[in-house]
């Protein structure tokens, strides 16, 4: 009869073992701590340049050679100009990058006038937001902003900080046009985590073919040295022709002309 008791004893032992196991404290498994997840940008395999054409909005005739250009030029459009909205839509349909060319107070204001839609040092935070929102609403399809004039405003922490907060809220990138060596705009933008970069060369301050060629060569030389460079020009026939010559030189030197937003993605240290 003892053999009949064997299965019963076995069941009792297993049950007792499970009870004891469940009473043993077990340290919970903790996943590894990760401070943050980053997605690295692949290193550039080529030297690159980007070009912005400023002050667009006054004349379709002046802007159209850049809109129709095969190269990825960015158009920075002034608010409240006669053709701002029309040219922004036309350029965006052609795949061009659209920026708001945000007027900001220069040294010498009001004798030096940035025009309508300008951010001034006398503005309160609410007034800055009102002007900024109106400027943004006037130009469709924008993805970024650079300053028009602003040699005084871009040195002022309160004004520049307010503008950059608004840019951040909109999810836009920022290009410091560097209209003064004393600008603090790029540093503040990067402190706020805004994708940002700065202008390296003004291409057409002297509006002759030979002078612009010198400046486009300077732009290519900087790209060759530093890996990238950003140039700013204006909607002039001489500039359009010089950019076509620059494109050929860039190809010969294995320097690639890319879109502004692509360049910002690589240049910005947040990436």
Protein backbone atom coordinates (compact mmCIF):
# COMPACT_ATOMS: atom_id res chain seq x y z
CA UNK A 1 0.00 0.00 0.00
CA UNK A 2 2.98 2.36 0.48
CA UNK A 3 3.42 2.68 -3.25
CA UNK A 4 0.03 4.39 -3.42
CA UNK A 5 1.38 7.16 -1.18
CA UNK A 6 4.32 8.07 -3.49
CA UNK A 7 2.35 10.33 -5.91
CA UNK A 8 0.68 12.10 -2.99
CA UNK A 9 4.02 12.83 -1.32
CA UNK A 10 5.46 14.08 -4.60
CA UNK A 11 2.60 16.51 -5.10
CA UNK A 12 2.97 17.81 -1.52
CA UNK A 13 6.73 18.38 -2.03
CA UNK A 14 6.24 20.29 -5.30
CA UNK A 15 3.58 22.49 -3.72
CA UNK A 16 5.81 23.24 -0.74
CA UNK A 17 8.67 24.12 -3.07
CA UNK A 18 6.55 26.57 -5.01
CA UNK A 19 5.42 28.27 -1.79
CA UNK A 20 9.00 28.66 -0.60
CA UNK A 21 10.13 29.98 -4.03
CA UNK A 22 7.44 32.64 -4.06
CA UNK A 23 8.54 33.80 -0.62
CA UNK A 24 12.17 34.38 -1.66
CA UNK A 25 12.69 38.08 -2.49
CA UNK A 26 13.81 38.58 -6.09
CA UNK A 27 15.48 41.79 -7.24
CA UNK A 28 13.47 43.30 -10.10
CA UNK A 29 15.23 43.54 -13.47
CA UNK A 30 16.14 47.14 -14.22
CA UNK A 31 16.63 48.21 -17.82
CA UNK A 32 19.84 50.12 -18.56
CA UNK A 33 19.60 53.87 -17.97
CA UNK A 34 19.74 55.88 -21.18
CA UNK A 35 20.29 59.62 -20.83
CA UNK A 36 18.96 60.38 -24.29
CA UNK A 37 18.53 58.80 -27.66
CA UNK A 38 20.33 60.47 -30.55
CA UNK A 39 20.13 59.85 -34.25
CA UNK A 40 23.50 60.84 -35.69
CA UNK A 41 23.70 62.66 -38.98
CA UNK A 42 25.93 60.85 -41.41
CA UNK A 43 29.23 62.64 -42.05
CA UNK A 44 29.30 64.74 -45.18
CA UNK A 45 31.12 62.98 -47.99
CA UNK A 46 31.49 66.19 -49.97
CA UNK A 47 32.19 69.84 -49.34
CA UNK A 48 28.94 71.79 -49.63
CA UNK A 49 27.56 75.30 -50.11
CA UNK A 50 24.12 76.85 -49.82
CA UNK A 51 22.91 80.20 -51.16
CA UNK A 52 20.16 82.54 -49.97
CA UNK A 53 18.67 85.29 -52.14
CA UNK A 54 17.47 88.10 -49.86
CA UNK A 55 14.97 90.94 -50.24
CA UNK A 56 12.54 89.08 -52.51
CA UNK A 57 9.01 90.49 -52.82
CA UNK A 58 9.35 93.71 -54.76
CA UNK A 59 9.60 92.41 -58.33
CA UNK A 60 8.58 89.15 -60.05
CA UNK A 61 10.94 89.99 -62.91
CA UNK A 62 13.91 90.21 -60.57
CA UNK A 63 13.00 87.06 -58.63
CA UNK A 64 12.04 84.76 -61.49
CA UNK A 65 15.58 83.82 -62.68
CA UNK A 66 16.22 82.42 -59.19
CA UNK A 67 12.85 80.66 -59.00
CA UNK A 68 13.53 79.02 -62.36
CA UNK A 69 17.15 78.19 -61.54
CA UNK A 70 17.97 74.49 -61.50
CA UNK A 71 20.12 74.92 -58.39
CA UNK A 72 18.65 74.68 -54.84
CA UNK A 73 18.71 78.38 -54.03
CA UNK A 74 16.71 79.57 -51.01
CA UNK A 75 14.53 82.66 -51.39
CA UNK A 76 14.17 84.95 -48.36
CA UNK A 77 11.03 86.99 -48.79
CA UNK A 78 10.23 90.31 -47.12
CA UNK A 79 6.80 90.71 -45.53
CA UNK A 80 4.18 93.20 -46.74
CA UNK A 81 5.72 93.75 -50.16
CA UNK A 82 3.59 93.83 -53.31
CA UNK A 83 4.51 90.36 -54.57
CA UNK A 84 5.65 88.56 -51.41
CA UNK A 85 2.84 86.01 -51.22
CA UNK A 86 2.68 85.37 -54.96
CA UNK A 87 6.43 84.77 -55.25
CA UNK A 88 6.54 82.54 -52.18
CA UNK A 89 3.87 80.26 -53.63
CA UNK A 90 5.47 80.21 -57.07
CA UNK A 91 8.93 79.45 -55.68
CA UNK A 92 7.63 76.74 -53.35
CA UNK A 93 5.88 75.04 -56.26
CA UNK A 94 9.25 74.93 -58.00
CA UNK A 95 10.79 73.24 -54.96
CA UNK A 96 12.68 76.24 -53.64
CA UNK A 97 13.31 76.78 -49.93
CA UNK A 98 11.24 79.70 -48.58
CA UNK A 99 12.39 81.90 -45.71
CA UNK A 100 10.83 84.87 -43.99
CA UNK A 101 13.31 87.75 -44.29
CA UNK A 102 12.42 89.23 -40.93
CA UNK A 103 13.00 93.01 -40.75
CA UNK A 104 14.76 94.04 -37.54
CA UNK A 105 15.98 97.35 -36.19
CA UNK A 106 19.38 98.46 -37.55
CA UNK A 107 21.92 100.84 -36.13
CA UNK A 108 20.86 104.32 -37.31
CA UNK A 109 17.12 103.69 -37.07
CA UNK A 110 14.87 105.52 -37.96
CA UNK A 111 17.05 107.22 -40.56
CA UNK A 112 17.96 103.70 -41.70
CA UNK A 113 14.54 102.15 -42.26
CA UNK A 114 14.04 98.34 -42.30
CA UNK A 115 10.60 98.78 -43.83
CA UNK A 116 7.20 97.39 -42.83
CA UNK A 117 6.91 94.41 -40.51
CA UNK A 118 10.03 95.31 -38.52
CA UNK A 119 10.89 94.18 -34.98
CA UNK A 120 12.04 97.22 -32.96
CA UNK A 121 13.84 97.59 -29.64
CA UNK A 122 10.96 99.75 -28.38
CA UNK A 123 8.53 96.84 -28.79
CA UNK A 124 7.25 94.93 -25.78
CA UNK A 125 7.18 91.13 -25.87
CA UNK A 126 3.50 91.21 -26.86
CA UNK A 127 4.20 93.72 -29.62
CA UNK A 128 7.07 91.61 -30.95
CA UNK A 129 4.75 88.59 -31.07
CA UNK A 130 2.05 90.60 -32.84
CA UNK A 131 4.45 91.82 -35.55
CA UNK A 132 6.10 88.39 -35.88
CA UNK A 133 2.77 86.56 -36.24
CA UNK A 134 1.60 89.06 -38.86
CA UNK A 135 4.85 88.65 -40.84
CA UNK A 136 4.62 84.86 -40.68
CA UNK A 137 1.00 84.89 -41.83
CA UNK A 138 1.84 87.06 -44.84
CA UNK A 139 4.22 84.55 -46.44
CA UNK A 140 3.15 80.95 -47.10
CA UNK A 141 5.33 77.83 -47.10
CA UNK A 142 8.22 79.19 -45.03
CA UNK A 143 10.56 76.72 -43.30
CA UNK A 144 13.05 79.15 -41.78
CA UNK A 145 13.91 82.76 -40.98
CA UNK A 146 16.87 85.07 -41.46
CA UNK A 147 17.16 88.67 -40.35
CA UNK A 148 16.81 91.67 -42.66
CA UNK A 149 19.11 94.42 -41.35
CA UNK A 150 18.99 94.02 -37.55
CA UNK A 151 22.48 95.30 -36.74
CA UNK A 152 21.06 96.67 -33.49
CA UNK A 153 18.28 94.17 -32.71
CA UNK A 154 20.52 91.11 -33.08
CA UNK A 155 22.78 92.45 -30.32
CA UNK A 156 19.95 92.87 -27.83
CA UNK A 157 19.34 89.80 -25.58
CA UNK A 158 15.71 90.66 -24.75
CA UNK A 159 14.56 91.32 -28.29
CA UNK A 160 16.55 88.51 -29.85
CA UNK A 161 15.53 86.07 -27.14
CA UNK A 162 11.86 86.88 -27.69
CA UNK A 163 12.14 86.44 -31.46
CA UNK A 164 13.97 83.13 -31.10
CA UNK A 165 11.36 81.84 -28.64
CA UNK A 166 8.74 82.52 -31.30
CA UNK A 167 10.83 80.82 -33.98
CA UNK A 168 11.23 77.79 -31.72
CA UNK A 169 7.47 77.60 -31.10
CA UNK A 170 6.91 77.49 -34.86
CA UNK A 171 9.47 74.74 -35.43
CA UNK A 172 11.47 76.84 -37.89
CA UNK A 173 15.22 77.07 -38.38
CA UNK A 174 17.20 80.30 -38.14
CA UNK A 175 20.04 81.82 -40.17
CA UNK A 176 21.98 84.70 -38.65
CA UNK A 177 22.64 87.07 -41.55
CA UNK A 178 25.45 88.60 -39.47
CA UNK A 179 24.81 92.23 -40.29
CA UNK A 180 27.09 93.15 -37.38
CA UNK A 181 30.11 91.43 -35.82
CA UNK A 182 28.47 92.00 -32.40
CA UNK A 183 25.48 89.75 -33.13
CA UNK A 184 24.48 87.31 -30.41
CA UNK A 185 21.73 85.70 -32.49
CA UNK A 186 23.45 82.44 -33.44
CA UNK A 187 24.66 81.72 -29.91
CA UNK A 188 21.21 82.36 -28.42
CA UNK A 189 19.56 80.20 -31.11
CA UNK A 190 21.84 77.28 -30.35
CA UNK A 191 21.39 77.74 -26.60
CA UNK A 192 17.65 77.34 -27.23
CA UNK A 193 18.17 74.25 -29.36
CA UNK A 194 16.97 75.89 -32.57
CA UNK A 195 18.49 74.45 -35.77
CA UNK A 196 20.66 77.33 -36.91
CA UNK A 197 23.65 78.53 -38.89
CA UNK A 198 25.19 81.80 -40.02
CA UNK A 199 26.01 83.63 -43.21
CA UNK A 200 29.65 83.36 -44.31
CA UNK A 201 29.83 85.63 -47.38
CA UNK A 202 27.77 88.48 -48.77
CA UNK A 203 28.05 87.85 -52.50
CA UNK A 204 26.97 91.07 -54.19
CA UNK A 205 27.62 94.12 -52.02
CA UNK A 206 29.53 95.35 -55.06
CA UNK A 207 27.25 94.76 -58.02
CA UNK A 208 29.65 93.94 -60.84
CA UNK A 209 30.26 90.58 -62.44
CA UNK A 210 33.93 90.52 -61.54
CA UNK A 211 33.31 91.50 -57.90
CA UNK A 212 30.60 88.86 -57.46
CA UNK A 213 32.88 86.23 -59.00
CA UNK A 214 35.50 87.09 -56.39
CA UNK A 215 32.93 86.56 -53.65
CA UNK A 216 31.61 83.28 -55.05
CA UNK A 217 35.21 82.06 -55.24
CA UNK A 218 35.59 83.06 -51.58
CA UNK A 219 32.48 81.05 -50.76
CA UNK A 220 33.85 77.97 -52.52
CA UNK A 221 37.22 78.39 -50.84
CA UNK A 222 35.56 78.50 -47.41
CA UNK A 223 33.57 75.37 -48.22
CA UNK A 224 36.77 73.65 -49.29
CA UNK A 225 38.46 74.65 -46.07
CA UNK A 226 35.67 74.23 -43.51
CA UNK A 227 33.42 71.67 -45.19
CA UNK A 228 30.54 74.07 -45.82
CA UNK A 229 29.69 77.72 -46.38
CA UNK A 230 26.56 79.86 -46.75
CA UNK A 231 26.38 82.82 -49.12
CA UNK A 232 23.77 85.57 -49.31
CA UNK A 233 23.01 87.50 -52.47
CA UNK A 234 20.14 89.54 -53.88
CA UNK A 235 17.73 89.36 -56.79
CA UNK A 236 19.92 90.97 -59.44
CA UNK A 237 20.72 89.84 -62.96
CA UNK A 238 24.45 90.00 -62.24
CA UNK A 239 24.02 87.73 -59.22
CA UNK A 240 21.97 85.17 -61.14
CA UNK A 241 24.61 84.99 -63.87
CA UNK A 242 27.44 84.73 -61.33
CA UNK A 243 25.69 81.85 -59.55
CA UNK A 244 25.53 79.90 -62.80
CA UNK A 245 29.29 80.37 -63.15
CA UNK A 246 29.76 79.38 -59.51
CA UNK A 247 27.80 76.17 -60.05
CA UNK A 248 30.19 75.12 -62.83
CA UNK A 249 33.22 75.93 -60.66
CA UNK A 250 31.73 74.01 -57.75
CA UNK A 251 31.33 70.91 -59.92
CA UNK A 252 34.92 71.19 -61.10
CA UNK A 253 36.10 71.39 -57.48
CA UNK A 254 33.84 68.57 -56.27
CA UNK A 255 31.85 70.97 -54.08
CA UNK A 256 28.13 70.30 -53.97
CA UNK A 257 25.46 72.99 -53.87
CA UNK A 258 22.72 71.68 -51.54
CA UNK A 259 19.51 73.03 -50.06
CA UNK A 260 19.81 75.37 -47.11
CA UNK A 261 17.84 73.11 -44.75
CA UNK A 262 20.10 70.17 -45.62
CA UNK A 263 23.17 72.22 -44.81
CA UNK A 264 21.69 73.43 -41.52
CA UNK A 265 21.04 69.81 -40.53
CA UNK A 266 24.76 69.06 -40.80
CA UNK A 267 26.16 72.33 -39.47
CA UNK A 268 23.96 72.61 -36.38
CA UNK A 269 25.76 71.04 -33.38
CA UNK A 270 22.45 69.71 -32.03
CA UNK A 271 22.68 67.09 -34.75
